Amino acid sequence: MPEPYEELEVWREARALVSAFYGATSRGGFHRDLVLRDKLRGGIVDVVSAVAVGGEGGASGGATLLAAAARCSELGCLLIVAADLGYLDEVEAGGLRGQLDELARALRARARQQPDASRDRARSEPEAASGGWR
């Protein structure tokens, strides 16, 4: 049985980034640029939610975690834009991007540990063909 998502280190890391993103987007020019602020905030919330869904396993768990890792790349790009616009200084943007990179690596590693849905399906097909009797 998979462990609850709250116990996953990768979920805790994503959760911590939510606070960091909200803090970073509460200052500077973000009060004038609600679109970029909301993309950053919504994106990191999407990541932590996806980790909760994908981290507990299931047939699509690995794909969900890989999608969350890809979302980290998107957020990294948005942080560069925020720094270019002067909303974040380079050091803060770079620090958040580094944390996103680490999280994406951890998500990809966790995805590799998830069961392969096609392998599981293939394993259950002979069982279904025999009416479940072996």
Protein backbone atom coordinates (compact mmCIF):
# COMPACT_ATOMS: atom_id res chain seq x y z
CA MET A 1 0.00 0.00 0.00
CA PRO A 2 1.43 3.39 -0.95
CA GLU A 3 2.30 5.87 1.74
CA PRO A 4 0.04 8.92 2.18
CA TYR A 5 1.18 11.91 0.15
CA GLU A 6 1.66 13.98 3.31
CA GLU A 7 4.52 11.66 4.25
CA LEU A 8 6.33 12.05 0.91
CA GLU A 9 9.44 14.21 1.04
CA VAL A 10 8.78 15.43 -2.50
CA TRP A 11 5.32 16.66 -1.45
CA ARG A 12 6.81 18.50 1.54
CA GLU A 13 9.33 20.18 -0.77
CA ALA A 14 6.56 21.26 -3.14
CA ARG A 15 4.47 22.51 -0.24
CA ALA A 16 7.35 24.63 1.04
CA LEU A 17 7.70 26.18 -2.41
CA VAL A 18 4.08 27.32 -2.28
CA SER A 19 4.92 29.56 0.69
CA ALA A 20 8.09 30.78 -1.02
CA PHE A 21 6.18 31.66 -4.20
CA TYR A 22 3.41 33.44 -2.34
CA GLY A 23 5.98 35.43 -0.38
CA ALA A 24 7.96 36.36 -3.48
CA THR A 25 4.87 37.42 -5.41
CA SER A 26 3.55 39.57 -2.55
CA ARG A 27 6.23 42.20 -3.15
CA GLY A 28 7.49 44.39 -5.94
CA GLY A 29 5.64 44.95 -9.16
CA PHE A 30 3.46 41.90 -8.78
CA HIS A 31 0.67 44.06 -7.32
CA ARG A 32 0.38 45.65 -10.79
CA ASP A 33 0.84 42.46 -12.82
CA LEU A 34 -1.87 40.14 -11.57
CA VAL A 35 -1.63 37.83 -14.57
CA LEU A 36 2.01 36.89 -13.95
CA ARG A 37 1.46 36.74 -10.19
CA ASP A 38 -1.53 34.43 -10.58
CA LYS A 39 0.29 32.21 -13.10
CA LEU A 40 3.15 31.72 -10.65
CA ARG A 41 0.90 31.10 -7.68
CA GLY A 42 -1.53 28.86 -9.53
CA GLY A 43 1.31 26.93 -11.13
CA ILE A 44 3.01 26.01 -7.89
CA VAL A 45 -0.33 25.07 -6.32
CA ASP A 46 -0.93 22.82 -9.35
CA VAL A 47 2.45 21.18 -8.77
CA VAL A 48 1.82 20.40 -5.08
CA SER A 49 -1.65 19.07 -5.95
CA ALA A 50 -0.25 16.87 -8.72
CA VAL A 51 2.33 15.47 -6.32
CA ALA A 52 -0.48 14.53 -3.94
CA VAL A 53 -2.37 12.75 -6.72
CA GLY A 54 0.58 11.14 -8.49
CA GLY A 55 2.68 10.42 -5.44
CA GLU A 56 0.27 7.89 -4.04
CA GLY A 57 0.65 5.71 -7.11
CA GLY A 58 -1.98 4.29 -9.35
CA ALA A 59 -1.94 3.65 -13.04
CA SER A 60 -1.33 7.27 -14.02
CA GLY A 61 0.83 8.26 -11.04
CA GLY A 62 4.08 8.36 -12.99
CA ALA A 63 2.59 10.44 -15.79
CA THR A 64 1.10 12.87 -13.27
CA LEU A 65 4.48 13.32 -11.58
CA LEU A 66 6.21 13.86 -14.94
CA ALA A 67 3.63 16.51 -15.82
CA ALA A 68 4.35 18.21 -12.48
CA ALA A 69 8.08 18.15 -13.29
CA ALA A 70 7.34 19.79 -16.64
CA ARG A 71 5.28 22.42 -14.85
CA CYS A 72 8.36 23.21 -12.75
CA SER A 73 10.19 24.11 -15.98
CA GLU A 74 7.34 26.41 -16.98
CA LEU A 75 7.47 28.10 -13.59
CA GLY A 76 11.23 28.52 -13.91
CA CYS A 77 10.67 30.33 -17.19
CA LEU A 78 8.08 32.61 -15.56
CA LEU A 79 10.56 33.43 -12.80
CA ILE A 80 13.05 34.55 -15.44
CA VAL A 81 10.36 36.79 -16.93
CA ALA A 82 9.58 38.19 -13.47
CA ALA A 83 13.27 38.98 -12.94
CA ASP A 84 13.53 40.56 -16.41
CA LEU A 85 10.59 42.81 -15.53
CA GLY A 86 12.23 43.79 -12.23
CA TYR A 87 9.61 42.11 -10.04
CA LEU A 88 12.21 39.80 -8.47
CA ASP A 89 15.91 40.32 -8.06
CA GLU A 90 18.20 37.84 -9.81
CA VAL A 91 19.27 36.20 -6.56
CA GLU A 92 15.72 35.47 -5.39
CA ALA A 93 14.60 34.29 -8.83
CA GLY A 94 17.70 32.10 -9.11
CA GLY A 95 17.11 30.60 -5.67
CA LEU A 96 13.52 29.72 -6.50
CA ARG A 97 14.57 28.29 -9.85
CA GLY A 98 17.18 26.14 -8.12
CA GLN A 99 14.55 24.79 -5.76
CA LEU A 100 12.24 24.09 -8.72
CA ASP A 101 15.05 22.23 -10.52
CA GLU A 102 15.66 20.07 -7.44
CA LEU A 103 11.95 19.39 -7.12
CA ALA A 104 11.66 18.45 -10.81
CA ARG A 105 14.56 15.98 -10.44
CA ALA A 106 12.88 14.44 -7.38
CA LEU A 107 9.56 14.22 -9.24
CA ARG A 108 11.17 12.45 -12.20
CA ALA A 109 12.90 10.02 -9.84
CA ARG A 110 9.62 9.33 -8.04
CA ALA A 111 7.86 8.83 -11.40
CA ARG A 112 10.41 6.15 -12.31
CA GLN A 113 9.47 4.31 -9.11
CA GLN A 114 5.77 4.25 -10.01
CA PRO A 115 4.27 1.10 -11.50
CA ASP A 116 4.12 1.03 -15.28
CA ALA A 117 0.44 1.15 -16.26
CA SER A 118 0.98 -0.71 -19.54
CA ARG A 119 2.92 -3.46 -17.75
CA ASP A 120 0.19 -3.76 -15.11
CA ARG A 121 -2.51 -3.87 -17.78
CA ALA A 122 -0.64 -6.57 -19.72
CA ARG A 123 -0.23 -8.60 -16.54
CA SER A 124 -3.96 -8.49 -15.83
CA GLU A 125 -5.14 -9.25 -19.41
CA PRO A 126 -4.36 -13.00 -19.30
CA GLU A 127 -6.16 -13.17 -16.00
CA ALA A 128 -9.21 -11.46 -17.50
CA ALA A 129 -9.10 -13.74 -20.57
CA SER A 130 -9.21 -16.81 -18.36
CA GLY A 131 -12.15 -15.44 -16.42
CA GLY A 132 -9.88 -14.73 -13.48
CA TRP A 133 -9.14 -18.43 -12.94
CA ARG A 134 -5.60 -19.71 -13.04
